[in-house]
């Protein structure tokens, strides 16, 4: 099974997400951040498959805005950009 990897277009997009996440959920270790990103990738893949989410729309995970979603077929990863 392929991993549902995620990436942010710009560092500032990732920083904004992490600041918001940590403000609501506490700080993350590197391992916890990797696990969170895997969970986000799995959840967006699930929501796309069930029609709950559409690429190009704002994706929210557990009450925190991740960003506007996209998918890179060449690298097979979900991308997020600040809304």
Protein backbone atom coordinates (compact mmCIF):
# COMPACT_ATOMS: atom_id res chain seq x y z
CA UNK A 1 0.00 0.00 0.00
CA UNK A 2 1.38 3.38 -0.99
CA UNK A 3 1.80 6.02 1.65
CA UNK A 4 -0.41 9.07 1.46
CA UNK A 5 2.36 11.63 1.78
CA UNK A 6 1.82 15.35 2.18
CA UNK A 7 3.92 18.44 1.55
CA UNK A 8 3.40 22.17 1.78
CA UNK A 9 4.06 24.48 -1.17
CA UNK A 10 6.02 26.94 0.95
CA UNK A 11 7.73 26.82 4.30
CA UNK A 12 5.52 29.64 5.56
CA UNK A 13 2.44 27.50 4.80
CA UNK A 14 3.81 24.68 6.91
CA UNK A 15 4.88 27.06 9.69
CA UNK A 16 1.38 28.57 9.82
CA UNK A 17 -0.20 25.11 10.04
CA UNK A 18 2.21 23.90 12.74
CA UNK A 19 1.75 27.05 14.83
CA UNK A 20 -2.02 26.68 14.68
CA UNK A 21 -1.85 22.93 15.39
CA UNK A 22 0.49 23.35 18.36
CA UNK A 23 -1.59 26.23 19.77
CA UNK A 24 -4.60 23.90 19.87
CA UNK A 25 -2.93 20.55 20.56
CA UNK A 26 0.48 21.15 22.16
CA UNK A 27 3.99 20.88 20.78
CA UNK A 28 5.11 18.06 18.50
CA UNK A 29 8.30 16.04 18.45
CA UNK A 30 9.73 15.18 15.03
CA UNK A 31 8.25 11.68 15.28
CA UNK A 32 4.85 13.04 16.31
CA UNK A 33 4.94 15.50 13.39
CA UNK A 34 5.70 12.66 10.96
CA UNK A 35 2.82 10.65 12.41
CA UNK A 36 0.48 13.65 12.15
CA UNK A 37 1.41 14.19 8.50
CA UNK A 38 0.73 10.50 7.78
CA UNK A 39 -2.66 10.79 9.48
CA UNK A 40 -3.48 13.90 7.43
CA UNK A 41 -2.46 12.13 4.21
CA UNK A 42 -4.61 9.12 5.06
CA UNK A 43 -7.58 11.30 5.98
CA UNK A 44 -7.50 13.45 2.85
CA UNK A 45 -7.18 10.31 0.70
CA UNK A 46 -10.20 8.83 2.47
CA UNK A 47 -12.24 12.01 2.12
CA UNK A 48 -11.41 12.33 -1.58
CA UNK A 49 -12.43 8.73 -2.16
CA UNK A 50 -15.77 9.20 -0.39
CA UNK A 51 -16.46 12.60 -1.93
CA UNK A 52 -16.27 14.46 1.38
CA UNK A 53 -13.44 16.66 0.08
CA UNK A 54 -12.61 18.10 -3.33
CA UNK A 55 -9.12 19.12 -4.44
CA UNK A 56 -8.67 22.87 -4.57
CA UNK A 57 -10.78 23.41 -1.47
CA UNK A 58 -9.65 24.21 2.06
CA UNK A 59 -8.81 21.02 3.97
CA UNK A 60 -9.36 21.01 7.74
CA UNK A 61 -8.01 18.25 9.98
CA UNK A 62 -9.35 17.92 13.53
CA UNK A 63 -10.43 21.55 13.57
CA UNK A 64 -7.17 22.98 12.20
CA UNK A 65 -6.92 24.42 8.68
CA UNK A 66 -4.20 22.56 6.79
CA UNK A 67 -4.59 24.58 3.60
CA UNK A 68 -5.99 24.51 0.10
CA UNK A 69 -5.41 21.01 -1.26
CA UNK A 70 -3.82 19.76 -4.46
CA UNK A 71 -2.23 16.51 -5.65
CA UNK A 72 1.05 16.01 -7.50
CA UNK A 73 0.73 12.86 -9.60
CA UNK A 74 4.44 12.72 -10.51
CA UNK A 75 5.58 12.66 -6.87
CA UNK A 76 2.34 11.04 -5.64
CA UNK A 77 1.78 13.40 -2.74
CA UNK A 78 -0.86 15.77 -1.47
CA UNK A 79 0.12 19.43 -1.46
CA UNK A 80 -1.23 22.20 0.73
CA UNK A 81 -1.10 25.94 0.21
CA UNK A 82 -2.17 28.74 2.50
CA UNK A 83 -5.75 29.67 1.72
